[in-house]
Amino acid sequence: MKITLAQLNSIVGDIWGNVKKMEKAIKIASKNKSDLIIFSEMFITGYPPRDLLEKDKFIQETQKALTSIKKISKHFPKIGILFGTVSLTNKKKGNGLYNSAFLIYQGRIVGQQHKTLLPTYDVFDEARHFDSSPEIKPIPFKKEKLGVSICEDMWSVPGLYLKKQYKVNPIKSLAEKGATLLINLSASPFSVGKDKIRYQIIQAHVAKYHLPFIHVNSIGGNDELIFDGNSLALDQQGNLIERLPGFREQVKTFSLKINNKSKIFIPADKITSVYQALILGTKDYVEKCGFKKIVLGLSGGIDSAITCCLAVKALGKENVLGITMPSMYSSKGSVDYSQKLAKNLGIRIKKIPINQIYDSYLSVLKGHLKSQTVETTQENIQARIRGNILMAISNKFGHLVLSTGNKSELAVGYCTLYGDMSGGLSVISDVPKTMVYKLAEYINQKKEIIPQESIKAKPSAELKPDQYDQDTLPPYEILDPILEFYIDKNYSAEKIIAQGFNSQVVKWVIQMVNRNEYKRKQAAPGLRITSKAFGMGRRIPVAAKYQI
């Protein structure tokens, strides 16, 4: 059997645009004399559609799209079309919807399988909208019996990733009911190392059931989530016979047969994959939201430099505008390094000093503030002036503002609400500061793009004389591991201290993380690249009291 993997970037809500993209892929598969083309989970609606699923008209359009795909199928009578979409349960109980896979052949629906396991952890909330499949069975097609599953249905492998204990194992059921080929349609979001885990899970299924396994994953950025693709196929001996690239679209046909030449699975390099993910996430967020250009503040520091480099790669240098906004406390390097970066990247840069505006603020507030010395209030005024300038440029020219703060700062609240947190997208808000430095090394590996002075300079907000991050924060080499233990792994203070960290430092970090939840609730959406990002996957109350 010749099979085509369609790893494509669908847009949430763009039902008819996604159908057109599907039709183009079907034409390619037909020219290659493919027997079956496979698309990803919820390809027609885009994933995740979230509460669009509560809109009647949206559901009606998905049903019209199903009819349209039947008509398309009639023009390609030799190829089966397997894809994900939403379907109606026709039941009075439950949510009334399934997350479904349909197989259409010669203008007819010849098989369908609904998703059985509905994840509700981390970024997922599928039980909010969908009902679990009442039945699991293979779909006969040509000379095969297709064991079709959808994303989470394949993840119940103890010891590898199991986030939740399920009573049902869909892959086991399909194998026991006579499936000859296992196929998984996925919308599995990227996090560092996820490609290796998926491969291990699929390997485990093949080793247990001795059946070939095909996995087609989504590609593209949808809000905070980034889908990396990395679709693959294993034969019944567990050999990797096909693997599509990460972070880009591809439609590829291969022959599912014994004695396929085996490929070697090489997990994606950590920093390379983060770099590619952030570029894709930035590009898709900006363009899918209808913007063409972005603006960001350039401080001369490494965070804004990294964000700027990613934006240029994602959107092109002609679509990126940098603004440097020095104050009386800014070092000469904050402007010089920004201008050097702009020259290296070939972007436009504007210099807008904030001294006069800041003095005006202090003059107006003179009778209302107890002190005119530079304290937190005055520091935040400077940050908010810069945020207002960026938003003014955005309003006037229609540029999307990118905020440039990293995860370490956001975690402990070392950022200003309505100041440097202003923006439409926070590109590196899930990137710890120690990883920021590694990204800078990666970007500069062939030639210097980010000035070495920006990389080597001691991190500083430059909001008062001789101010440095490490005057307030623990060294990032200590802070970042503590944050990972507390946020990503949910360790208690006692358990973190047992790893060898100073107890006072650990308790201070945890206290700051907890105290600043209110800031993160008002932050711009951030691109997710770790297993526990701030945003839609972390559901912590703000008005709460709890012990650390």
Protein backbone atom coordinates (compact mmCIF):
# COMPACT_ATOMS: atom_id res chain seq x y z
CA MET A 1 0.00 0.00 0.00
CA LYS A 2 1.26 3.48 -0.90
CA ILE A 3 0.54 5.99 1.83
CA THR A 4 0.83 9.78 1.86
CA LEU A 5 1.55 11.68 5.06
CA ALA A 6 0.09 15.19 4.95
CA GLN A 7 1.83 17.23 7.62
CA LEU A 8 0.18 20.60 7.11
CA ASN A 9 -0.44 23.86 8.95
CA SER A 10 -4.16 24.35 9.45
CA ILE A 11 -5.64 27.55 10.88
CA VAL A 12 -8.11 27.39 13.75
CA GLY A 13 -11.57 28.33 12.52
CA ASP A 14 -10.57 28.61 8.85
CA ILE A 15 -12.64 25.61 7.84
CA TRP A 16 -12.77 26.31 4.11
CA GLY A 17 -9.16 27.41 3.90
CA ASN A 18 -8.19 24.13 5.53
CA VAL A 19 -10.37 22.20 3.07
CA LYS A 20 -8.60 23.92 0.15
CA LYS A 21 -5.24 23.00 1.62
CA MET A 22 -6.46 19.42 1.97
CA GLU A 23 -7.56 19.31 -1.67
CA LYS A 24 -4.11 20.44 -2.88
CA ALA A 25 -2.47 17.67 -0.87
CA ILE A 26 -4.91 15.10 -2.25
CA LYS A 27 -3.95 16.13 -5.79
CA ILE A 28 -0.27 15.58 -4.95
CA ALA A 29 -1.03 12.18 -3.44
CA SER A 30 -3.09 11.19 -6.46
CA LYS A 31 -0.24 12.05 -8.84
CA ASN A 32 1.99 9.79 -6.74
CA LYS A 33 -0.61 7.00 -7.08
CA SER A 34 -1.19 6.85 -3.36
CA ASP A 35 -3.80 4.50 -1.88
CA LEU A 36 -4.35 6.51 1.29
CA ILE A 37 -3.62 10.07 2.42
CA ILE A 38 -3.56 10.83 6.15
CA PHE A 39 -4.08 14.24 7.74
CA SER A 40 -3.76 15.24 11.40
CA GLU A 41 -6.22 15.46 14.27
CA MET A 42 -9.00 18.07 13.87
CA PHE A 43 -7.41 19.26 10.64
CA ILE A 44 -10.65 20.75 9.29
CA THR A 45 -11.28 22.92 12.36
CA GLY A 46 -7.68 23.53 13.37
CA TYR A 47 -6.56 22.57 16.86
CA PRO A 48 -7.54 23.49 19.49
CA PRO A 49 -10.82 25.16 18.45
CA ARG A 50 -11.73 25.59 22.11
CA ASP A 51 -15.10 27.32 22.65
CA LEU A 52 -15.70 27.80 18.93
CA LEU A 53 -17.16 24.33 19.39
CA GLU A 54 -20.03 25.90 21.33
CA LYS A 55 -21.13 27.95 18.32
CA ASP A 56 -23.86 26.27 16.30
CA LYS A 57 -22.85 27.92 13.03
CA PHE A 58 -19.27 26.70 13.46
CA ILE A 59 -20.47 23.12 13.86
CA GLN A 60 -22.78 23.50 10.89
CA GLU A 61 -19.86 24.63 8.73
CA THR A 62 -17.85 21.56 9.72
CA GLN A 63 -20.70 19.36 8.52
CA LYS A 64 -20.83 21.24 5.22
CA ALA A 65 -17.09 20.74 4.89
CA LEU A 66 -17.61 17.00 5.33
CA THR A 67 -20.01 17.03 2.40
CA SER A 68 -17.50 19.04 0.35
CA ILE A 69 -14.74 16.50 1.01
CA LYS A 70 -17.03 13.72 -0.21
CA LYS A 71 -17.40 15.61 -3.49
CA ILE A 72 -13.64 16.11 -3.72
CA SER A 73 -13.16 12.40 -3.13
CA LYS A 74 -15.23 11.53 -6.21
CA HIS A 75 -12.60 13.21 -8.39
CA PHE A 76 -9.89 10.98 -6.88
CA PRO A 77 -11.57 7.56 -6.78
CA LYS A 78 -8.40 5.55 -6.14
CA ILE A 79 -7.37 7.24 -2.92
CA GLY A 80 -8.80 7.07 0.59
CA ILE A 81 -8.82 10.30 2.61
CA LEU A 82 -8.32 9.96 6.37
CA PHE A 83 -8.60 13.17 8.39
CA GLY A 84 -9.70 14.65 11.69
CA THR A 85 -12.70 16.85 12.35
CA VAL A 86 -15.62 17.25 14.73
CA SER A 87 -18.79 15.18 14.45
CA LEU A 88 -22.18 15.01 16.13
CA THR A 89 -22.98 12.22 18.59
CA ASN A 90 -26.72 12.19 17.93
CA LYS A 91 -27.22 11.58 21.66
CA LYS A 92 -29.19 13.62 24.15
CA LYS A 93 -26.69 12.99 26.94
CA GLY A 94 -23.17 14.37 27.11
CA ASN A 95 -21.66 17.22 25.11
CA GLY A 96 -23.07 16.07 21.78
CA LEU A 97 -19.72 16.13 19.94
CA TYR A 98 -16.93 13.74 19.09
CA ASN A 99 -13.34 14.44 18.15
CA SER A 100 -13.38 12.19 15.10
CA ALA A 101 -11.37 10.63 12.30
CA PHE A 102 -13.21 10.04 9.02
CA LEU A 103 -12.18 7.82 6.13
CA ILE A 104 -13.76 8.93 2.86
CA TYR A 105 -13.36 6.86 -0.30
CA GLN A 106 -15.02 7.30 -3.70
CA GLY A 107 -17.37 9.95 -2.33
CA ARG A 108 -18.57 7.97 0.68
CA ILE A 109 -17.74 7.75 4.36
CA VAL A 110 -16.44 4.19 4.63
CA GLY A 111 -15.26 4.40 8.21
CA GLN A 112 -14.97 6.59 11.25
CA GLN A 113 -13.39 6.38 14.67
CA HIS A 114 -13.96 8.80 17.51
CA LYS A 115 -11.36 9.73 20.11
CA THR A 116 -11.60 7.59 23.21
CA LEU A 117 -9.22 9.17 25.72
CA LEU A 118 -9.99 12.84 26.37
CA PRO A 119 -7.13 14.65 28.15
CA THR A 120 -7.90 17.38 30.67
CA TYR A 121 -4.39 17.99 32.03
CA ASP A 122 -1.91 20.75 31.14
CA VAL A 123 -3.10 22.64 28.00
CA PHE A 124 -5.86 20.16 27.21
CA ASP A 125 -9.54 20.47 28.11
CA GLU A 126 -11.22 18.04 25.75
CA ALA A 127 -13.84 16.68 28.15
CA ARG A 128 -15.25 20.22 28.17
CA HIS A 129 -16.44 19.75 24.59
CA PHE A 130 -16.27 16.11 23.55
CA ASP A 131 -17.70 12.75 24.50
CA SER A 132 -15.58 9.63 24.57
CA SER A 133 -16.02 7.11 21.75
CA PRO A 134 -18.47 4.35 22.70
CA GLU A 135 -16.75 1.86 20.39
CA ILE A 136 -13.28 0.98 19.17
CA LYS A 137 -12.91 -1.11 16.03
CA PRO A 138 -10.69 -1.32 12.94
CA ILE A 139 -11.80 0.11 9.60
CA PRO A 140 -11.54 -2.26 6.61
CA PHE A 141 -9.85 -0.54 3.67
CA LYS A 142 -8.56 -2.25 0.55
CA LYS A 143 -6.43 -5.14 1.84
CA GLU A 144 -5.87 -3.69 5.29
CA LYS A 145 -7.76 -3.24 8.54
CA LEU A 146 -6.89 0.25 9.74
CA GLY A 147 -6.57 0.64 13.50
CA VAL A 148 -7.25 4.37 13.72
CA SER A 149 -6.62 6.27 16.94
CA ILE A 150 -6.45 9.96 17.80
CA CYS A 151 -3.57 11.55 19.70
CA GLU A 152 -4.08 10.73 23.43
CA ASP A 153 -5.37 7.29 22.47
CA MET A 154 -1.77 6.16 21.91
CA TRP A 155 -0.22 7.76 25.01
CA SER A 156 -1.27 5.24 27.65
CA VAL A 157 2.12 3.56 27.93
CA PRO A 158 3.21 3.11 31.58
CA GLY A 159 6.67 4.42 32.38
CA LEU A 160 7.00 6.72 29.38
CA TYR A 161 4.59 9.62 29.65
CA LEU A 162 1.39 8.51 31.35
CA LYS A 163 -0.16 11.67 32.84
CA LYS A 164 -3.41 9.96 33.71
CA GLN A 165 -4.46 6.38 34.37
CA TYR A 166 -7.09 5.25 31.88
CA LYS A 167 -9.24 2.15 32.14
CA VAL A 168 -9.21 1.69 28.36
CA ASN A 169 -6.23 1.14 26.05
CA PRO A 170 -7.42 1.95 22.50
CA ILE A 171 -4.28 0.62 20.80
CA LYS A 172 -4.60 -2.71 22.60
CA SER A 173 -8.29 -2.92 21.64
CA LEU A 174 -7.53 -2.23 17.97
CA ALA A 175 -4.79 -4.84 17.89
CA GLU A 176 -6.97 -7.44 19.57
CA LYS A 177 -9.78 -6.77 17.10
CA GLY A 178 -7.63 -7.56 14.10
CA ALA A 179 -6.06 -4.29 12.97
CA THR A 180 -3.26 -4.84 10.46
CA LEU A 181 -2.01 -1.24 10.43
CA LEU A 182 -2.08 1.22 13.33
CA ILE A 183 -2.60 4.91 12.47
CA ASN A 184 -2.60 7.82 14.90
CA LEU A 185 -3.85 11.29 13.94
CA SER A 186 -2.34 13.83 16.33
CA ALA A 187 -2.25 17.43 17.41
CA SER A 188 0.58 16.92 19.87
CA PRO A 189 2.10 20.28 20.90
CA PHE A 190 5.82 20.81 21.06
CA SER A 191 7.90 20.87 24.19
CA VAL A 192 11.61 20.18 24.48
CA GLY A 193 12.27 16.46 24.01
CA LYS A 194 8.71 15.58 23.00
CA ASP A 195 9.76 14.08 19.63
CA LYS A 196 11.83 11.43 21.42
CA ILE A 197 9.00 10.54 23.79
CA ARG A 198 6.55 10.10 20.89
CA TYR A 199 9.01 7.84 19.11
CA GLN A 200 9.52 5.72 22.22
CA ILE A 201 5.78 5.38 22.73
CA ILE A 202 5.21 4.25 19.15
CA GLN A 203 8.15 1.86 19.41
CA ALA A 204 6.59 0.35 22.54
CA HIS A 205 3.29 -0.27 20.71
CA VAL A 206 5.02 -1.88 17.75
CA ALA A 207 7.13 -4.09 20.01
CA LYS A 208 4.03 -5.26 21.86
CA TYR A 209 1.61 -5.78 18.97
CA HIS A 210 4.00 -6.39 16.03
CA LEU A 211 2.04 -4.08 13.77
CA PRO A 212 3.26 -1.19 11.59
CA PHE A 213 2.44 2.20 13.07
CA ILE A 214 1.91 5.56 11.31
CA HIS A 215 1.76 8.82 13.24
CA VAL A 216 0.73 12.10 11.55
CA ASN A 217 1.15 15.19 13.70
CA SER A 218 0.04 18.80 13.25
CA ILE A 219 2.43 21.55 12.25
CA GLY A 220 2.22 25.26 13.03
CA GLY A 221 1.54 27.74 15.79
CA ASN A 222 -1.94 28.25 17.22
CA ASP A 223 -2.00 30.89 19.96
CA GLU A 224 0.44 29.75 22.67
CA LEU A 225 0.86 26.24 21.29
CA ILE A 226 3.39 25.22 18.67
CA PHE A 227 2.99 21.95 16.77
CA ASP A 228 6.23 20.51 15.50
CA GLY A 229 5.15 17.83 13.05
CA ASN A 230 7.84 15.15 13.17
CA SER A 231 5.36 12.66 11.70
CA LEU A 232 6.75 9.17 11.27
CA ALA A 233 6.10 5.57 10.28
CA LEU A 234 7.50 2.34 11.75
CA ASP A 235 7.23 -1.10 10.19
CA GLN A 236 6.10 -4.16 12.13
CA GLN A 237 9.68 -4.90 13.19
CA GLY A 238 9.97 -1.45 14.76
CA ASN A 239 12.20 -0.01 12.04
CA LEU A 240 11.78 3.67 11.27
CA ILE A 241 10.84 3.75 7.58
CA GLU A 242 9.68 7.36 7.23
CA ARG A 243 10.08 10.58 9.19
CA LEU A 244 8.91 14.05 8.19
CA PRO A 245 10.81 17.15 9.31
CA GLY A 246 10.10 19.22 12.36
CA PHE A 247 8.53 22.67 12.14
CA ARG A 248 7.70 22.71 8.44
CA GLU A 249 5.00 21.40 6.15
CA GLN A 250 5.51 18.39 3.94
CA VAL A 251 3.37 16.02 1.90
CA LYS A 252 5.22 12.76 1.30
CA THR A 253 4.28 9.40 -0.18
CA PHE A 254 5.99 6.16 0.75
CA SER A 255 5.36 2.48 0.24
CA LEU A 256 4.34 0.43 3.25
CA LYS A 257 6.03 -2.88 2.58
CA ILE A 258 8.36 -5.35 4.17
CA ASN A 259 12.10 -4.72 3.69
CA ASN A 260 11.80 -0.94 3.62
CA LYS A 261 15.18 0.65 4.21
CA SER A 262 15.40 1.54 7.88
CA LYS A 263 16.24 5.08 9.01
CA ILE A 264 18.01 6.07 12.21
CA PHE A 265 15.96 8.12 14.66
CA ILE A 266 18.00 11.07 15.90
CA PRO A 267 16.20 13.23 18.48
CA ALA A 268 16.11 16.92 17.70
CA ASP A 269 18.87 19.00 19.29
CA LYS A 270 17.39 20.89 22.25
CA ILE A 271 18.45 24.43 21.34
CA THR A 272 17.91 23.93 17.61
CA SER A 273 14.34 22.75 18.21
CA VAL A 274 13.60 25.65 20.58
CA TYR A 275 14.95 28.11 18.02
CA GLN A 276 12.85 26.61 15.22
CA ALA A 277 9.76 26.41 17.44
CA LEU A 278 9.94 30.07 18.45
CA ILE A 279 10.38 31.19 14.85
CA LEU A 280 7.36 29.17 13.73
CA GLY A 281 5.28 30.26 16.72
CA THR A 282 6.09 33.93 16.14
CA LYS A 283 5.41 33.79 12.40
CA ASP A 284 2.09 32.01 12.76
CA TYR A 285 0.83 34.12 15.66
CA VAL A 286 1.59 37.38 13.88
CA GLU A 287 0.25 36.32 10.49
CA LYS A 288 -2.78 34.33 11.70
CA CYS A 289 -3.80 37.36 13.78
CA GLY A 290 -3.71 39.49 10.64
CA PHE A 291 -0.55 41.52 11.28
CA LYS A 292 2.29 42.07 8.82
CA LYS A 293 4.84 43.97 10.89
CA ILE A 294 6.06 44.05 14.48
CA VAL A 295 7.69 46.59 16.76
CA LEU A 296 9.75 45.93 19.88
CA GLY A 297 11.87 47.79 22.35
CA LEU A 298 15.62 47.27 22.10
CA SER A 299 17.42 47.76 25.41
CA GLY A 300 20.88 46.66 24.33
CA GLY A 301 20.39 43.53 26.46
CA ILE A 302 20.33 39.90 25.44
CA ASP A 303 16.56 39.28 25.84
CA SER A 304 15.43 41.95 23.39
CA ALA A 305 18.26 40.96 21.05
CA ILE A 306 17.12 37.32 20.99
CA THR A 307 13.50 38.36 20.44
CA CYS A 308 14.52 40.64 17.58
CA CYS A 309 16.58 37.93 15.88
CA LEU A 310 13.66 35.49 16.08
CA ALA A 311 11.27 38.10 14.67
CA VAL A 312 13.56 38.80 11.71
CA LYS A 313 13.82 35.08 10.93
CA ALA A 314 10.06 34.68 11.24
CA LEU A 315 8.87 37.75 9.35
CA GLY A 316 11.78 39.23 7.40
CA LYS A 317 13.94 42.22 8.28
CA GLU A 318 11.70 44.63 6.38
CA ASN A 319 8.84 43.84 8.78
CA VAL A 320 10.67 44.48 12.05
CA LEU A 321 11.04 47.89 13.72
CA GLY A 322 13.24 48.37 16.79
CA ILE A 323 12.84 51.26 19.21
CA THR A 324 15.59 52.22 21.65
CA MET A 325 14.34 54.41 24.50
CA PRO A 326 17.22 55.61 26.68
CA SER A 327 16.79 57.41 29.97
CA MET A 328 19.25 59.22 32.21
CA TYR A 329 20.07 55.85 33.76
CA SER A 330 20.74 54.05 30.49
CA SER A 331 24.32 53.15 29.72
CA LYS A 332 25.87 54.30 26.46
CA GLY A 333 25.92 50.64 25.46
CA SER A 334 22.14 50.29 25.67
CA VAL A 335 21.87 52.46 22.55
CA ASP A 336 25.13 51.45 20.89
CA TYR A 337 24.51 47.71 21.23
CA SER A 338 20.94 48.12 19.96
CA GLN A 339 22.13 50.04 16.90
CA LYS A 340 24.84 47.46 16.26
CA LEU A 341 22.26 44.66 16.44
CA ALA A 342 19.94 46.55 14.09
CA LYS A 343 22.78 47.03 11.60
CA ASN A 344 23.73 43.33 11.76
CA LEU A 345 20.11 42.33 11.11
CA GLY A 346 19.36 45.06 8.58
CA ILE A 347 16.27 46.32 10.40
CA ARG A 348 14.99 49.86 10.93
CA ILE A 349 15.67 51.39 14.35
CA LYS A 350 14.40 54.59 15.98
CA LYS A 351 15.78 56.36 19.04
CA ILE A 352 13.18 57.96 21.31
CA PRO A 353 14.67 59.26 24.61
CA ILE A 354 12.29 59.24 27.57
CA ASN A 355 14.02 61.79 29.85
CA GLN A 356 11.61 64.64 29.11
CA ILE A 357 8.52 62.46 29.51
CA TYR A 358 9.87 61.05 32.78
CA ASP A 359 10.55 64.51 34.16
CA SER A 360 7.00 65.52 33.25
CA TYR A 361 5.61 62.54 35.17
CA LEU A 362 7.65 63.42 38.26
CA SER A 363 6.59 67.06 38.01
CA VAL A 364 2.90 66.16 37.85
CA LEU A 365 3.21 63.63 40.68
CA LYS A 366 5.49 65.77 42.85
CA GLY A 367 2.82 66.58 45.43
CA HIS A 368 1.43 63.05 45.46
CA LEU A 369 4.52 60.87 45.92
CA LYS A 370 6.25 60.85 49.28
CA SER A 371 9.68 60.73 47.71
CA GLN A 372 11.26 61.90 44.49
CA THR A 373 14.22 59.54 44.88
CA VAL A 374 14.38 56.60 42.52
CA GLU A 375 12.36 53.86 44.19
CA THR A 376 10.21 51.09 42.70
CA THR A 377 7.46 53.55 41.74
CA GLN A 378 9.84 55.73 39.74
CA GLU A 379 11.46 52.68 38.15
CA ASN A 380 8.08 51.40 37.01
CA ILE A 381 7.13 54.81 35.61
CA GLN A 382 10.11 54.57 33.24
CA ALA A 383 9.12 51.06 32.13
CA ARG A 384 5.53 52.18 31.57
CA ILE A 385 6.62 55.18 29.52
CA ARG A 386 8.46 52.79 27.22
CA GLY A 387 5.42 50.53 27.04
CA ASN A 388 3.23 53.50 26.08
CA ILE A 389 5.64 54.56 23.34
CA LEU A 390 5.60 51.08 21.82
CA MET A 391 1.80 50.96 21.98
CA ALA A 392 1.59 54.38 20.32
CA ILE A 393 3.70 53.11 17.41
CA SER A 394 1.49 50.02 17.29
CA ASN A 395 -1.71 52.09 17.22
CA LYS A 396 -0.43 54.46 14.55
CA PHE A 397 1.14 51.98 12.13
CA GLY A 398 -0.65 48.72 12.92
CA HIS A 399 2.47 46.90 14.15
CA LEU A 400 2.12 44.13 16.71
CA VAL A 401 4.21 44.78 19.83
CA LEU A 402 6.46 41.94 20.94
CA SER A 403 7.34 41.88 24.63
CA THR A 404 10.79 40.58 25.40
CA GLY A 405 10.81 39.22 28.98
CA ASN A 406 12.10 35.72 29.75
CA LYS A 407 10.59 32.99 31.94
CA SER A 408 12.92 33.58 34.88
CA GLU A 409 11.83 37.21 35.16
CA LEU A 410 8.16 36.47 34.65
CA ALA A 411 8.27 33.70 37.26
CA VAL A 412 9.46 35.92 40.11
CA GLY A 413 7.74 39.12 38.93
CA TYR A 414 10.93 40.90 37.89
CA CYS A 415 8.96 42.81 35.27
CA THR A 416 6.59 45.77 35.15
CA LEU A 417 2.89 45.37 34.58
CA TYR A 418 1.80 47.74 31.75
CA GLY A 419 5.49 48.45 31.15
CA ASP A 420 7.93 45.94 29.68
CA MET A 421 5.08 43.38 29.90
CA SER A 422 3.09 45.38 27.33
CA GLY A 423 2.59 43.66 24.00
CA GLY A 424 0.57 41.31 21.86
CA LEU A 425 2.94 38.35 22.05
CA SER A 426 5.64 37.42 24.54
CA VAL A 427 8.08 35.44 22.41
CA ILE A 428 10.53 34.12 25.04
CA SER A 429 8.31 34.08 28.14
CA ASP A 430 8.81 30.31 28.40
CA VAL A 431 12.58 30.49 27.91
CA PRO A 432 14.62 30.50 31.15
CA LYS A 433 17.47 33.03 31.27
CA THR A 434 20.14 30.31 31.16
CA MET A 435 18.59 29.03 27.92
CA VAL A 436 18.51 32.57 26.55
CA TYR A 437 22.31 32.58 26.64
CA LYS A 438 22.43 29.25 24.82
CA LEU A 439 20.12 30.64 22.13
CA ALA A 440 22.46 33.59 21.72
CA GLU A 441 25.40 31.22 21.18
CA TYR A 442 23.32 29.30 18.63
CA ILE A 443 22.37 32.45 16.71
CA ASN A 444 25.99 33.62 16.67
CA GLN A 445 27.52 30.26 15.72
CA LYS A 446 28.39 31.28 12.14
CA LYS A 447 28.91 35.00 12.59
CA GLU A 448 28.27 37.66 15.17
CA ILE A 449 24.70 38.88 14.96
CA ILE A 450 24.02 39.61 18.61
CA PRO A 451 26.83 41.89 19.81
CA GLN A 452 29.16 40.14 22.23
CA GLU A 453 28.82 43.14 24.50
CA SER A 454 25.09 42.36 24.91
CA ILE A 455 25.88 38.77 25.80
CA LYS A 456 28.69 39.54 28.23
CA ALA A 457 27.06 42.53 29.94
CA LYS A 458 25.72 42.00 33.46
CA PRO A 459 21.88 41.86 33.13
CA SER A 460 20.30 45.13 34.20
CA ALA A 461 16.93 46.85 33.91
CA GLU A 462 18.79 50.20 33.99
CA LEU A 463 16.01 51.93 35.90
CA LYS A 464 18.28 53.43 38.58
CA PRO A 465 22.02 54.00 39.01
CA ASP A 466 24.26 50.91 39.10
CA GLN A 467 21.32 48.49 39.00
CA TYR A 468 21.89 44.80 38.19
CA ASP A 469 19.52 41.82 38.17
CA GLN A 470 21.70 39.90 40.59
CA ASP A 471 21.28 42.65 43.23
CA THR A 472 17.68 41.46 43.54
CA LEU A 473 17.67 37.92 42.18
CA PRO A 474 19.76 34.82 42.91
CA PRO A 475 22.26 33.99 40.15
CA TYR A 476 20.34 32.59 37.18
CA GLU A 477 22.35 29.35 37.43
CA ILE A 478 20.66 28.84 40.81
CA LEU A 479 17.30 30.49 40.10
CA ASP A 480 16.45 28.54 36.95
CA PRO A 481 16.84 25.01 38.42
CA ILE A 482 14.73 26.01 41.44
CA LEU A 483 12.03 27.36 39.11
CA GLU A 484 12.09 24.17 37.06
CA PHE A 485 11.66 22.03 40.17
CA TYR A 486 8.83 24.17 41.51
CA ILE A 487 6.93 25.05 38.32
CA ASP A 488 7.61 22.19 35.92
CA LYS A 489 7.95 19.31 38.39
CA ASN A 490 5.69 20.61 41.20
CA TYR A 491 8.30 19.92 43.89
CA SER A 492 7.63 21.22 47.41
CA ALA A 493 10.09 23.56 49.11
CA GLU A 494 11.37 20.68 51.25
CA LYS A 495 11.98 18.50 48.22
CA ILE A 496 13.84 21.31 46.40
CA ILE A 497 15.99 22.05 49.44
CA ALA A 498 16.83 18.34 49.57
CA GLN A 499 18.42 18.76 46.12
CA GLY A 500 21.12 20.88 47.78
CA PHE A 501 19.76 24.42 47.44
CA ASN A 502 19.88 27.03 50.21
CA SER A 503 16.61 26.93 52.14
CA GLN A 504 16.21 30.72 52.39
CA VAL A 505 16.77 31.14 48.65
CA VAL A 506 14.27 28.40 47.82
CA LYS A 507 11.59 29.87 50.07
CA TRP A 508 12.16 33.36 48.66
CA VAL A 509 11.87 32.12 45.06
CA ILE A 510 8.68 30.19 45.78
CA GLN A 511 7.18 33.14 47.60
CA MET A 512 7.92 35.42 44.65
CA VAL A 513 6.44 32.95 42.16
CA ASN A 514 3.24 32.73 44.21
CA ARG A 515 2.98 36.48 44.83
CA ASN A 516 3.26 37.38 41.16
CA GLU A 517 0.56 35.15 39.73
CA TYR A 518 -1.60 38.27 39.26
CA LYS A 519 0.97 39.73 36.86
CA ARG A 520 1.07 36.61 34.72
CA LYS A 521 -2.71 36.58 34.44
CA GLN A 522 -2.40 39.93 32.63
CA ALA A 523 0.64 39.08 30.53
CA ALA A 524 0.64 38.77 26.75
CA PRO A 525 0.25 35.24 25.37
CA GLY A 526 3.59 33.44 25.43
CA LEU A 527 4.92 30.71 23.17
CA ARG A 528 5.09 27.34 24.92
CA ILE A 529 8.35 25.38 24.64
CA THR A 530 8.60 23.63 28.02
CA SER A 531 6.43 21.02 29.67
CA LYS A 532 4.85 23.61 31.98
CA ALA A 533 4.57 27.08 30.50
CA PHE A 534 2.79 30.04 32.05
CA GLY A 535 -0.55 30.59 30.34
CA MET A 536 -3.32 28.24 29.31
CA GLY A 537 -1.66 25.13 30.77
CA ARG A 538 -1.02 26.45 34.29
CA ARG A 539 -4.20 26.99 36.25
CA ILE A 540 -3.23 28.66 39.51
CA PRO A 541 -5.69 30.87 41.45
CA VAL A 542 -4.76 34.48 42.13
CA ALA A 543 -6.90 35.29 45.18
CA ALA A 544 -5.68 32.36 47.25
CA LYS A 545 -3.66 31.51 50.37
CA TYR A 546 -1.63 28.33 50.52
CA GLN A 547 1.49 27.09 52.21
CA ILE A 548 4.73 26.44 50.32
